[in-house]
């Protein structure tokens, strides 16, 4: 293998985490985005993603959790399971009593 392939790989150590990150761990950027699926009918017309989801559109402005919950209550909107939007927002939509029940 050609050693020049690795010429651009950084070799310096990563910066040490600050005290907040040490205590709370890695935290994702705040906010939610909606990806429209362009369908007028059907069960899935839009999907709510966390802003750092690989499926999230980058050109859509971020919403607060209040806005995301309002949008999630609309028919035809679902929450992304890939990025955890479903895991994070569903308890707020259905109430915390629904956690752990099927």
PDB file of N, CA and C in Angstrom:
ATOM      1  N   UNK A   1       0.840  -1.169   0.000  1.00  0.00           N
ATOM      2  CA  UNK A   1       0.000   0.000   0.000  1.00  0.00           C
ATOM      3  C   UNK A   1       0.888   1.236   0.000  1.00  0.00           C
ATOM      4  N   UNK A   2       0.420   2.247  -0.664  1.00  0.00           N
ATOM      5  CA  UNK A   2       1.147   3.502  -0.797  1.00  0.00           C
ATOM      6  C   UNK A   2       1.076   4.294   0.517  1.00  0.00           C
ATOM      7  N   UNK A   3       2.204   4.609   1.176  1.00  0.00           N
ATOM      8  CA  UNK A   3       2.181   5.339   2.447  1.00  0.00           C
ATOM      9  C   UNK A   3       1.632   6.760   2.320  1.00  0.00           C
ATOM     10  N   UNK A   4       1.632   7.343   1.131  1.00  0.00           N
ATOM     11  CA  UNK A   4       1.130   8.711   0.968  1.00  0.00           C
ATOM     12  C   UNK A   4      -0.382   8.796   1.193  1.00  0.00           C
ATOM     13  N   UNK A   5      -1.050   7.654   1.188  1.00  0.00           N
ATOM     14  CA  UNK A   5      -2.489   7.625   1.453  1.00  0.00           C
ATOM     15  C   UNK A   5      -2.768   8.170   2.851  1.00  0.00           C
ATOM     16  N   UNK A   6      -1.863   7.960   3.761  1.00  0.00           N
ATOM     17  CA  UNK A   6      -2.052   8.375   5.153  1.00  0.00           C
ATOM     18  C   UNK A   6      -1.421   9.732   5.467  1.00  0.00           C
ATOM     19  N   UNK A   7      -0.950  10.438   4.479  1.00  0.00           N
ATOM     20  CA  UNK A   7      -0.263  11.716   4.704  1.00  0.00           C
ATOM     21  C   UNK A   7      -1.175  12.767   5.340  1.00  0.00           C
ATOM     22  N   UNK A   8      -2.448  12.732   5.059  1.00  0.00           N
ATOM     23  CA  UNK A   8      -3.381  13.730   5.580  1.00  0.00           C
ATOM     24  C   UNK A   8      -4.032  13.342   6.902  1.00  0.00           C
ATOM     25  N   UNK A   9      -3.721  12.177   7.427  1.00  0.00           N
ATOM     26  CA  UNK A   9      -4.316  11.731   8.691  1.00  0.00           C
ATOM     27  C   UNK A   9      -3.687  12.508   9.840  1.00  0.00           C
ATOM     28  N   UNK A  10      -4.517  13.173  10.678  1.00  0.00           N
ATOM     29  CA  UNK A  10      -3.943  13.927  11.794  1.00  0.00           C
ATOM     30  C   UNK A  10      -3.288  12.987  12.811  1.00  0.00           C
ATOM     31  N   UNK A  11      -2.174  13.427  13.333  1.00  0.00           N
ATOM     32  CA  UNK A  11      -1.451  12.611  14.314  1.00  0.00           C
ATOM     33  C   UNK A  11      -1.321  13.307  15.669  1.00  0.00           C
ATOM     34  N   UNK A  12      -1.847  14.526  15.791  1.00  0.00           N
ATOM     35  CA  UNK A  12      -1.764  15.226  17.068  1.00  0.00           C
ATOM     36  C   UNK A  12      -2.903  14.763  17.977  1.00  0.00           C
ATOM     37  N   UNK A  13      -2.692  14.793  19.292  1.00  0.00           N
ATOM     38  CA  UNK A  13      -3.736  14.344  20.212  1.00  0.00           C
ATOM     39  C   UNK A  13      -4.951  15.278  20.184  1.00  0.00           C
ATOM     40  N   UNK A  14      -6.110  14.727  20.472  1.00  0.00           N
ATOM     41  CA  UNK A  14      -7.327  15.525  20.555  1.00  0.00           C
ATOM     42  C   UNK A  14      -7.268  16.390  21.806  1.00  0.00           C
ATOM     43  N   UNK A  15      -7.918  17.565  21.773  1.00  0.00           N
ATOM     44  CA  UNK A  15      -7.922  18.398  22.979  1.00  0.00           C
ATOM     45  C   UNK A  15      -8.684  17.704  24.107  1.00  0.00           C
ATOM     46  N   UNK A  16      -8.275  17.972  25.310  1.00  0.00           N
ATOM     47  CA  UNK A  16      -8.939  17.383  26.483  1.00  0.00           C
ATOM     48  C   UNK A  16     -10.342  17.959  26.606  1.00  0.00           C
ATOM     49  N   UNK A  17     -11.313  17.163  27.014  1.00  0.00           N
ATOM     50  CA  UNK A  17     -12.678  17.678  27.178  1.00  0.00           C
ATOM     51  C   UNK A  17     -12.745  18.679  28.322  1.00  0.00           C
ATOM     52  N   UNK A  18     -13.649  19.653  28.193  1.00  0.00           N
ATOM     53  CA  UNK A  18     -13.807  20.619  29.276  1.00  0.00           C
ATOM     54  C   UNK A  18     -14.561  19.963  30.444  1.00  0.00           C
ATOM     55  N   UNK A  19     -14.707  20.683  31.536  1.00  0.00           N
ATOM     56  CA  UNK A  19     -15.297  20.097  32.740  1.00  0.00           C
ATOM     57  C   UNK A  19     -16.755  19.683  32.530  1.00  0.00           C
ATOM     58  N   UNK A  20     -17.508  20.429  31.726  1.00  0.00           N
ATOM     59  CA  UNK A  20     -18.910  20.077  31.465  1.00  0.00           C
ATOM     60  C   UNK A  20     -18.977  18.763  30.705  1.00  0.00           C
ATOM     61  N   UNK A  21     -18.157  18.612  29.680  1.00  0.00           N
ATOM     62  CA  UNK A  21     -18.172  17.369  28.901  1.00  0.00           C
ATOM     63  C   UNK A  21     -17.684  16.187  29.728  1.00  0.00           C
ATOM     64  N   UNK A  22     -16.730  16.418  30.620  1.00  0.00           N
ATOM     65  CA  UNK A  22     -16.272  15.330  31.492  1.00  0.00           C
ATOM     66  C   UNK A  22     -17.393  14.857  32.406  1.00  0.00           C
ATOM     67  N   UNK A  23     -18.186  15.785  32.922  1.00  0.00           N
ATOM     68  CA  UNK A  23     -19.266  15.434  33.846  1.00  0.00           C
ATOM     69  C   UNK A  23     -20.483  14.854  33.127  1.00  0.00           C
ATOM     70  N   UNK A  24     -20.884  15.473  32.014  1.00  0.00           N
ATOM     71  CA  UNK A  24     -22.123  15.084  31.348  1.00  0.00           C
ATOM     72  C   UNK A  24     -21.921  14.163  30.150  1.00  0.00           C
ATOM     73  N   UNK A  25     -20.695  14.071  29.679  1.00  0.00           N
ATOM     74  CA  UNK A  25     -20.441  13.275  28.485  1.00  0.00           C
ATOM     75  C   UNK A  25     -20.698  14.083  27.226  1.00  0.00           C
ATOM     76  N   UNK A  26     -20.514  13.423  26.099  1.00  0.00           N
ATOM     77  CA  UNK A  26     -20.719  14.084  24.810  1.00  0.00           C
ATOM     78  C   UNK A  26     -22.183  14.481  24.663  1.00  0.00           C
ATOM     79  N   UNK A  27     -22.417  15.689  24.212  1.00  0.00           N
ATOM     80  CA  UNK A  27     -23.787  16.166  24.027  1.00  0.00           C
ATOM     81  C   UNK A  27     -23.991  16.567  22.571  1.00  0.00           C
ATOM     82  N   UNK A  28     -25.135  16.204  22.043  1.00  0.00           N
ATOM     83  CA  UNK A  28     -25.430  16.539  20.654  1.00  0.00           C
ATOM     84  C   UNK A  28     -25.851  18.000  20.555  1.00  0.00           C
ATOM     85  N   UNK A  29     -25.703  18.592  19.369  1.00  0.00           N
ATOM     86  CA  UNK A  29     -26.161  19.973  19.202  1.00  0.00           C
ATOM     87  C   UNK A  29     -27.671  20.053  19.416  1.00  0.00           C
ATOM     88  N   UNK A  30     -28.158  21.168  19.946  1.00  0.00           N
ATOM     89  CA  UNK A  30     -29.591  21.270  20.207  1.00  0.00           C
ATOM     90  C   UNK A  30     -30.386  21.503  18.932  1.00  0.00           C
ATOM     91  N   UNK A  31     -31.620  21.074  18.940  1.00  0.00           N
ATOM     92  CA  UNK A  31     -32.531  21.378  17.844  1.00  0.00           C
ATOM     93  C   UNK A  31     -32.978  20.162  17.061  1.00  0.00           C
ATOM     94  N   UNK A  32     -34.014  20.375  16.289  1.00  0.00           N
ATOM     95  CA  UNK A  32     -34.645  19.340  15.478  1.00  0.00           C
ATOM     96  C   UNK A  32     -34.931  19.930  14.111  1.00  0.00           C
ATOM     97  N   UNK A  33     -34.938  19.114  13.080  1.00  0.00           N
ATOM     98  CA  UNK A  33     -35.269  19.565  11.730  1.00  0.00           C
ATOM     99  C   UNK A  33     -36.295  18.614  11.117  1.00  0.00           C
ATOM    100  N   UNK A  34     -37.082  19.154  10.192  1.00  0.00           N
ATOM    101  CA  UNK A  34     -38.100  18.361   9.511  1.00  0.00           C
ATOM    102  C   UNK A  34     -37.653  18.134   8.074  1.00  0.00           C
ATOM    103  N   UNK A  35     -37.735  16.900   7.653  1.00  0.00           N
ATOM    104  CA  UNK A  35     -37.453  16.553   6.266  1.00  0.00           C
ATOM    105  C   UNK A  35     -38.776  16.192   5.614  1.00  0.00           C
ATOM    106  N   UNK A  36     -39.183  16.995   4.644  1.00  0.00           N
ATOM    107  CA  UNK A  36     -40.421  16.722   3.929  1.00  0.00           C
ATOM    108  C   UNK A  36     -40.164  15.614   2.920  1.00  0.00           C
ATOM    109  N   UNK A  37     -41.078  14.668   2.843  1.00  0.00           N
ATOM    110  CA  UNK A  37     -40.940  13.560   1.905  1.00  0.00           C
ATOM    111  C   UNK A  37     -41.668  13.840   0.595  1.00  0.00           C
ATOM    112  N   UNK A  38     -42.326  15.000   0.500  1.00  0.00           N
ATOM    113  CA  UNK A  38     -42.947  15.419  -0.747  1.00  0.00           C
ATOM    114  C   UNK A  38     -44.208  14.661  -1.126  1.00  0.00           C
ATOM    115  N   UNK A  39     -44.790  13.932  -0.214  1.00  0.00           N
ATOM    116  CA  UNK A  39     -46.021  13.190  -0.495  1.00  0.00           C
ATOM    117  C   UNK A  39     -47.214  13.975   0.036  1.00  0.00           C
ATOM    118  N   UNK A  40     -48.275  13.992  -0.709  1.00  0.00           N
ATOM    119  CA  UNK A  40     -49.486  14.685  -0.255  1.00  0.00           C
ATOM    120  C   UNK A  40     -50.372  13.780   0.584  1.00  0.00           C
ATOM    121  N   UNK A  41     -50.275  12.463   0.356  1.00  0.00           N
ATOM    122  CA  UNK A  41     -51.098  11.505   1.087  1.00  0.00           C
ATOM    123  C   UNK A  41     -50.218  10.385   1.603  1.00  0.00           C
ATOM    124  N   UNK A  42     -50.759   9.642   2.526  1.00  0.00           N
ATOM    125  CA  UNK A  42     -50.022   8.501   3.051  1.00  0.00           C
ATOM    126  C   UNK A  42     -49.533   8.742   4.457  1.00  0.00           C
ATOM    127  N   UNK A  43     -49.047   7.696   5.086  1.00  0.00           N
ATOM    128  CA  UNK A  43     -48.663   7.807   6.491  1.00  0.00           C
ATOM    129  C   UNK A  43     -47.404   8.632   6.729  1.00  0.00           C
ATOM    130  N   UNK A  44     -46.479   8.626   5.809  1.00  0.00           N
ATOM    131  CA  UNK A  44     -45.219   9.352   6.013  1.00  0.00           C
ATOM    132  C   UNK A  44     -45.102  10.499   5.014  1.00  0.00           C
ATOM    133  N   UNK A  45     -45.339  11.712   5.509  1.00  0.00           N
ATOM    134  CA  UNK A  45     -45.175  12.888   4.658  1.00  0.00           C
ATOM    135  C   UNK A  45     -43.981  13.729   5.104  1.00  0.00           C
ATOM    136  N   UNK A  46     -43.571  13.547   6.362  1.00  0.00           N
ATOM    137  CA  UNK A  46     -42.430  14.289   6.903  1.00  0.00           C
ATOM    138  C   UNK A  46     -41.812  13.484   8.033  1.00  0.00           C
ATOM    139  N   UNK A  47     -40.514  13.702   8.235  1.00  0.00           N
ATOM    140  CA  UNK A  47     -39.778  13.015   9.296  1.00  0.00           C
ATOM    141  C   UNK A  47     -39.032  14.057  10.108  1.00  0.00           C
ATOM    142  N   UNK A  48     -39.119  13.949  11.427  1.00  0.00           N
ATOM    143  CA  UNK A  48     -38.372  14.845  12.317  1.00  0.00           C
ATOM    144  C   UNK A  48     -37.075  14.154  12.713  1.00  0.00           C
ATOM    145  N   UNK A  49     -35.962  14.879  12.530  1.00  0.00           N
ATOM    146  CA  UNK A  49     -34.619  14.377  12.833  1.00  0.00           C
ATOM    147  C   UNK A  49     -33.932  15.296  13.836  1.00  0.00           C
ATOM    148  N   UNK A  50     -32.981  14.765  14.573  1.00  0.00           N
ATOM    149  CA  UNK A  50     -32.052  15.602  15.338  1.00  0.00           C
ATOM    150  C   UNK A  50     -31.171  16.329  14.327  1.00  0.00           C
ATOM    151  N   UNK A  51     -30.656  17.495  14.686  1.00  0.00           N
ATOM    152  CA  UNK A  51     -29.889  18.281  13.720  1.00  0.00           C
ATOM    153  C   UNK A  51     -28.622  17.580  13.245  1.00  0.00           C
ATOM    154  N   UNK A  52     -28.080  16.656  14.049  1.00  0.00           N
ATOM    155  CA  UNK A  52     -26.852  15.982  13.652  1.00  0.00           C
ATOM    156  C   UNK A  52     -27.093  14.611  13.019  1.00  0.00           C
ATOM    157  N   UNK A  53     -28.330  14.291  12.687  1.00  0.00           N
ATOM    158  CA  UNK A  53     -28.649  13.008  12.052  1.00  0.00           C
ATOM    159  C   UNK A  53     -28.109  13.000  10.615  1.00  0.00           C
ATOM    160  N   UNK A  54     -27.619  11.859  10.191  1.00  0.00           N
ATOM    161  CA  UNK A  54     -27.094  11.748   8.826  1.00  0.00           C
ATOM    162  C   UNK A  54     -28.204  11.895   7.790  1.00  0.00           C
ATOM    163  N   UNK A  55     -29.451  11.661   8.174  1.00  0.00           N
ATOM    164  CA  UNK A  55     -30.590  11.784   7.265  1.00  0.00           C
ATOM    165  C   UNK A  55     -31.201  13.186   7.277  1.00  0.00           C
ATOM    166  N   UNK A  56     -30.770  14.045   8.193  1.00  0.00           N
ATOM    167  CA  UNK A  56     -31.368  15.376   8.337  1.00  0.00           C
ATOM    168  C   UNK A  56     -30.946  16.295   7.201  1.00  0.00           C
ATOM    169  N   UNK A  57     -31.882  17.102   6.693  1.00  0.00           N
ATOM    170  CA  UNK A  57     -31.505  18.089   5.680  1.00  0.00           C
ATOM    171  C   UNK A  57     -30.670  19.201   6.308  1.00  0.00           C
ATOM    172  N   UNK A  58     -29.667  19.654   5.597  1.00  0.00           N
ATOM    173  CA  UNK A  58     -28.793  20.700   6.143  1.00  0.00           C
ATOM    174  C   UNK A  58     -29.303  22.100   5.838  1.00  0.00           C
ATOM    175  N   UNK A  59     -30.226  22.231   4.908  1.00  0.00           N
ATOM    176  CA  UNK A  59     -30.717  23.554   4.518  1.00  0.00           C
ATOM    177  C   UNK A  59     -31.971  23.975   5.281  1.00  0.00           C
ATOM    178  N   UNK A  60     -32.428  23.154   6.194  1.00  0.00           N
ATOM    179  CA  UNK A  60     -33.645  23.440   6.956  1.00  0.00           C
ATOM    180  C   UNK A  60     -33.276  24.061   8.298  1.00  0.00           C
ATOM    181  N   UNK A  61     -33.951  25.155   8.690  1.00  0.00           N
ATOM    182  CA  UNK A  61     -33.636  25.754   9.991  1.00  0.00           C
ATOM    183  C   UNK A  61     -34.042  24.838  11.137  1.00  0.00           C
ATOM    184  N   UNK A  62     -33.289  24.904  12.208  1.00  0.00           N
ATOM    185  CA  UNK A  62     -33.549  24.068  13.381  1.00  0.00           C
ATOM    186  C   UNK A  62     -34.755  24.594  14.151  1.00  0.00           C
ATOM    187  N   UNK A  63     -35.493  23.645  14.750  1.00  0.00           N
ATOM    188  CA  UNK A  63     -36.649  23.984  15.576  1.00  0.00           C
ATOM    189  C   UNK A  63     -36.298  23.708  17.039  1.00  0.00           C
ATOM    190  N   UNK A  64     -37.021  24.350  17.929  1.00  0.00           N
ATOM    191  CA  UNK A  64     -36.907  24.043  19.347  1.00  0.00           C
ATOM    192  C   UNK A  64     -37.680  22.761  19.620  1.00  0.00           C
ATOM    193  N   UNK A  65     -37.570  22.216  20.820  1.00  0.00           N
ATOM    194  CA  UNK A  65     -38.313  21.002  21.125  1.00  0.00           C
ATOM    195  C   UNK A  65     -39.808  21.273  21.141  1.00  0.00           C
ATOM    196  N   UNK A  66     -40.233  22.472  21.539  1.00  0.00           N
ATOM    197  CA  UNK A  66     -41.657  22.837  21.497  1.00  0.00           C
ATOM    198  C   UNK A  66     -42.188  22.787  20.065  1.00  0.00           C
ATOM    199  N   UNK A  67     -41.437  23.382  19.147  1.00  0.00           N
ATOM    200  CA  UNK A  67     -41.834  23.372  17.744  1.00  0.00           C
ATOM    201  C   UNK A  67     -41.831  21.961  17.180  1.00  0.00           C
ATOM    202  N   UNK A  68     -40.840  21.170  17.571  1.00  0.00           N
ATOM    203  CA  UNK A  68     -40.761  19.790  17.094  1.00  0.00           C
ATOM    204  C   UNK A  68     -41.944  18.973  17.597  1.00  0.00           C
ATOM    205  N   UNK A  69     -42.349  19.176  18.844  1.00  0.00           N
ATOM    206  CA  UNK A  69     -43.501  18.459  19.380  1.00  0.00           C
ATOM    207  C   UNK A  69     -44.784  18.864  18.664  1.00  0.00           C
ATOM    208  N   UNK A  70     -44.942  20.161  18.393  1.00  0.00           N
ATOM    209  CA  UNK A  70     -46.119  20.618  17.648  1.00  0.00           C
ATOM    210  C   UNK A  70     -46.168  19.967  16.269  1.00  0.00           C
ATOM    211  N   UNK A  71     -45.030  19.924  15.610  1.00  0.00           N
ATOM    212  CA  UNK A  71     -44.975  19.318  14.277  1.00  0.00           C
ATOM    213  C   UNK A  71     -45.193  17.806  14.343  1.00  0.00           C
ATOM    214  N   UNK A  72     -44.683  17.160  15.376  1.00  0.00           N
ATOM    215  CA  UNK A  72     -44.817  15.712  15.512  1.00  0.00           C
ATOM    216  C   UNK A  72     -46.266  15.288  15.706  1.00  0.00           C
ATOM    217  N   UNK A  73     -47.084  16.173  16.222  1.00  0.00           N
ATOM    218  CA  UNK A  73     -48.489  15.846  16.442  1.00  0.00           C
ATOM    219  C   UNK A  73     -49.322  15.916  15.166  1.00  0.00           C
ATOM    220  N   UNK A  74     -48.765  16.442  14.093  1.00  0.00           N
ATOM    221  CA  UNK A  74     -49.500  16.517  12.831  1.00  0.00           C
ATOM    222  C   UNK A  74     -49.589  15.136  12.184  1.00  0.00           C
ATOM    223  N   UNK A  75     -50.721  14.836  11.585  1.00  0.00           N
ATOM    224  CA  UNK A  75     -50.835  13.560  10.860  1.00  0.00           C
ATOM    225  C   UNK A  75     -49.807  13.491   9.724  1.00  0.00           C
ATOM    226  N   UNK A  76     -49.246  12.322   9.527  1.00  0.00           N
ATOM    227  CA  UNK A  76     -48.280  12.132   8.448  1.00  0.00           C
ATOM    228  C   UNK A  76     -46.850  12.456   8.831  1.00  0.00           C
ATOM    229  N   UNK A  77     -46.619  12.837  10.088  1.00  0.00           N
ATOM    230  CA  UNK A  77     -45.261  13.137  10.545  1.00  0.00           C
ATOM    231  C   UNK A  77     -44.804  12.020  11.463  1.00  0.00           C
ATOM    232  N   UNK A  78     -43.598  11.522  11.225  1.00  0.00           N
ATOM    233  CA  UNK A  78     -43.050  10.500  12.112  1.00  0.00           C
ATOM    234  C   UNK A  78     -41.707  10.979  12.646  1.00  0.00           C
ATOM    235  N   UNK A  79     -41.227  10.299  13.667  1.00  0.00           N
ATOM    236  CA  UNK A  79     -39.956  10.636  14.308  1.00  0.00           C
ATOM    237  C   UNK A  79     -38.899   9.633  13.863  1.00  0.00           C
ATOM    238  N   UNK A  80     -37.714  10.112  13.558  1.00  0.00           N
ATOM    239  CA  UNK A  80     -36.621   9.259  13.094  1.00  0.00           C
ATOM    240  C   UNK A  80     -36.130   8.358  14.232  1.00  0.00           C
ATOM    241  N   UNK A  81     -36.019   7.084  13.934  1.00  0.00           N
ATOM    242  CA  UNK A  81     -35.484   6.138  14.916  1.00  0.00           C
ATOM    243  C   UNK A  81     -33.965   6.049  14.822  1.00  0.00           C
ATOM    244  N   UNK A  82     -33.411   6.411  13.679  1.00  0.00           N
ATOM    245  CA  UNK A  82     -31.969   6.320  13.463  1.00  0.00           C
ATOM    246  C   UNK A  82     -31.194   7.246  14.401  1.00  0.00           C
ATOM    247  N   UNK A  83     -31.654   8.488  14.518  1.00  0.00           N
ATOM    248  CA  UNK A  83     -30.922   9.470  15.323  1.00  0.00           C
ATOM    249  C   UNK A  83     -31.432   9.565  16.759  1.00  0.00           C
ATOM    250  N   UNK A  84     -32.498   8.875  17.072  1.00  0.00           N
ATOM    251  CA  UNK A  84     -33.016   8.919  18.423  1.00  0.00           C
ATOM    252  C   UNK A  84     -34.105   9.942  18.638  1.00  0.00           C
ATOM    253  N   UNK A  85     -34.571  10.608  17.587  1.00  0.00           N
ATOM    254  CA  UNK A  85     -35.652  11.578  17.753  1.00  0.00           C
ATOM    255  C   UNK A  85     -36.880  10.904  18.347  1.00  0.00           C
ATOM    256  N   UNK A  86     -37.170   9.702  17.903  1.00  0.00           N
ATOM    257  CA  UNK A  86     -38.320   8.973  18.434  1.00  0.00           C
ATOM    258  C   UNK A  86     -38.130   8.687  19.922  1.00  0.00           C
ATOM    259  N   UNK A  87     -36.949   8.251  20.288  1.00  0.00           N
ATOM    260  CA  UNK A  87     -36.659   7.912  21.685  1.00  0.00           C
ATOM    261  C   UNK A  87     -36.721   9.140  22.588  1.00  0.00           C
ATOM    262  N   UNK A  88     -36.302  10.289  22.069  1.00  0.00           N
ATOM    263  CA  UNK A  88     -36.246  11.493  22.894  1.00  0.00           C
ATOM    264  C   UNK A  88     -37.571  12.250  22.950  1.00  0.00           C
ATOM    265  N   UNK A  89     -38.337  12.246  21.863  1.00  0.00           N
ATOM    266  CA  UNK A  89     -39.547  13.056  21.816  1.00  0.00           C
ATOM    267  C   UNK A  89     -40.834  12.295  22.152  1.00  0.00           C
ATOM    268  N   UNK A  90     -40.874  10.990  21.906  1.00  0.00           N
ATOM    269  CA  UNK A  90     -42.111  10.241  22.162  1.00  0.00           C
ATOM    270  C   UNK A  90     -42.578  10.310  23.611  1.00  0.00           C
ATOM    271  N   UNK A  91     -41.692  10.215  24.609  1.00  0.00           N
ATOM    272  CA  UNK A  91     -42.184  10.343  25.992  1.00  0.00           C
ATOM    273  C   UNK A  91     -42.856  11.691  26.254  1.00  0.00           C
ATOM    274  N   UNK A  92     -42.397  12.733  25.586  1.00  0.00           N
ATOM    275  CA  UNK A  92     -43.009  14.048  25.757  1.00  0.00           C
ATOM    276  C   UNK A  92     -44.362  14.124  25.068  1.00  0.00           C
ATOM    277  N   UNK A  93     -44.523  13.375  23.968  1.00  0.00           N
ATOM    278  CA  UNK A  93     -45.801  13.355  23.253  1.00  0.00           C
ATOM    279  C   UNK A  93     -46.842  12.501  23.964  1.00  0.00           C
ATOM    280  N   UNK A  94     -46.411  11.350  24.467  1.00  0.00           N
ATOM    281  CA  UNK A  94     -47.349  10.370  25.029  1.00  0.00           C
ATOM    282  C   UNK A  94     -47.411  10.398  26.548  1.00  0.00           C
ATOM    283  N   UNK A  95     -46.546  11.146  27.165  1.00  0.00           N
ATOM    284  CA  UNK A  95     -46.502  11.165  28.615  1.00  0.00           C
ATOM    285  C   UNK A  95     -45.459  10.177  29.111  1.00  0.00           C
ATOM    286  N   UNK A  96     -44.843  10.476  30.216  1.00  0.00           N
ATOM    287  CA  UNK A  96     -43.758   9.642  30.730  1.00  0.00           C
ATOM    288  C   UNK A  96     -44.245   8.307  31.253  1.00  0.00           C
ATOM    289  N   UNK A  97     -45.542   8.145  31.479  1.00  0.00           N
ATOM    290  CA  UNK A  97     -46.065   6.861  31.928  1.00  0.00           C
ATOM    291  C   UNK A  97     -45.945   5.794  30.854  1.00  0.00           C
ATOM    292  N   UNK A  98     -45.795   6.205  29.588  1.00  0.00           N
ATOM    293  CA  UNK A  98     -45.715   5.247  28.490  1.00  0.00           C
ATOM    294  C   UNK A  98     -44.321   4.630  28.349  1.00  0.00           C
ATOM    295  N   UNK A  99     -43.338   5.134  29.080  1.00  0.00           N
ATOM    296  CA  UNK A  99     -41.981   4.623  28.967  1.00  0.00           C
ATOM    297  C   UNK A  99     -41.938   3.198  29.522  1.00  0.00           C
ATOM    298  N   UNK A 100     -41.391   2.293  28.733  1.00  0.00           N
ATOM    299  CA  UNK A 100     -41.247   0.923  29.176  1.00  0.00           C
ATOM    300  C   UNK A 100     -42.454   0.046  28.935  1.00  0.00           C
ATOM    301  N   UNK A 101     -43.517   0.596  28.357  1.00  0.00           N
ATOM    302  CA  UNK A 101     -44.675  -0.214  28.025  1.00  0.00           C
ATOM    303  C   UNK A 101     -44.784  -0.340  26.530  1.00  0.00           C
ATOM    304  N   UNK A 102     -45.361  -1.412  26.080  1.00  0.00           N
ATOM    305  CA  UNK A 102     -45.496  -1.625  24.641  1.00  0.00           C
ATOM    306  C   UNK A 102     -46.859  -1.272  24.153  1.00  0.00           C
TER     307      UNK A 102
END
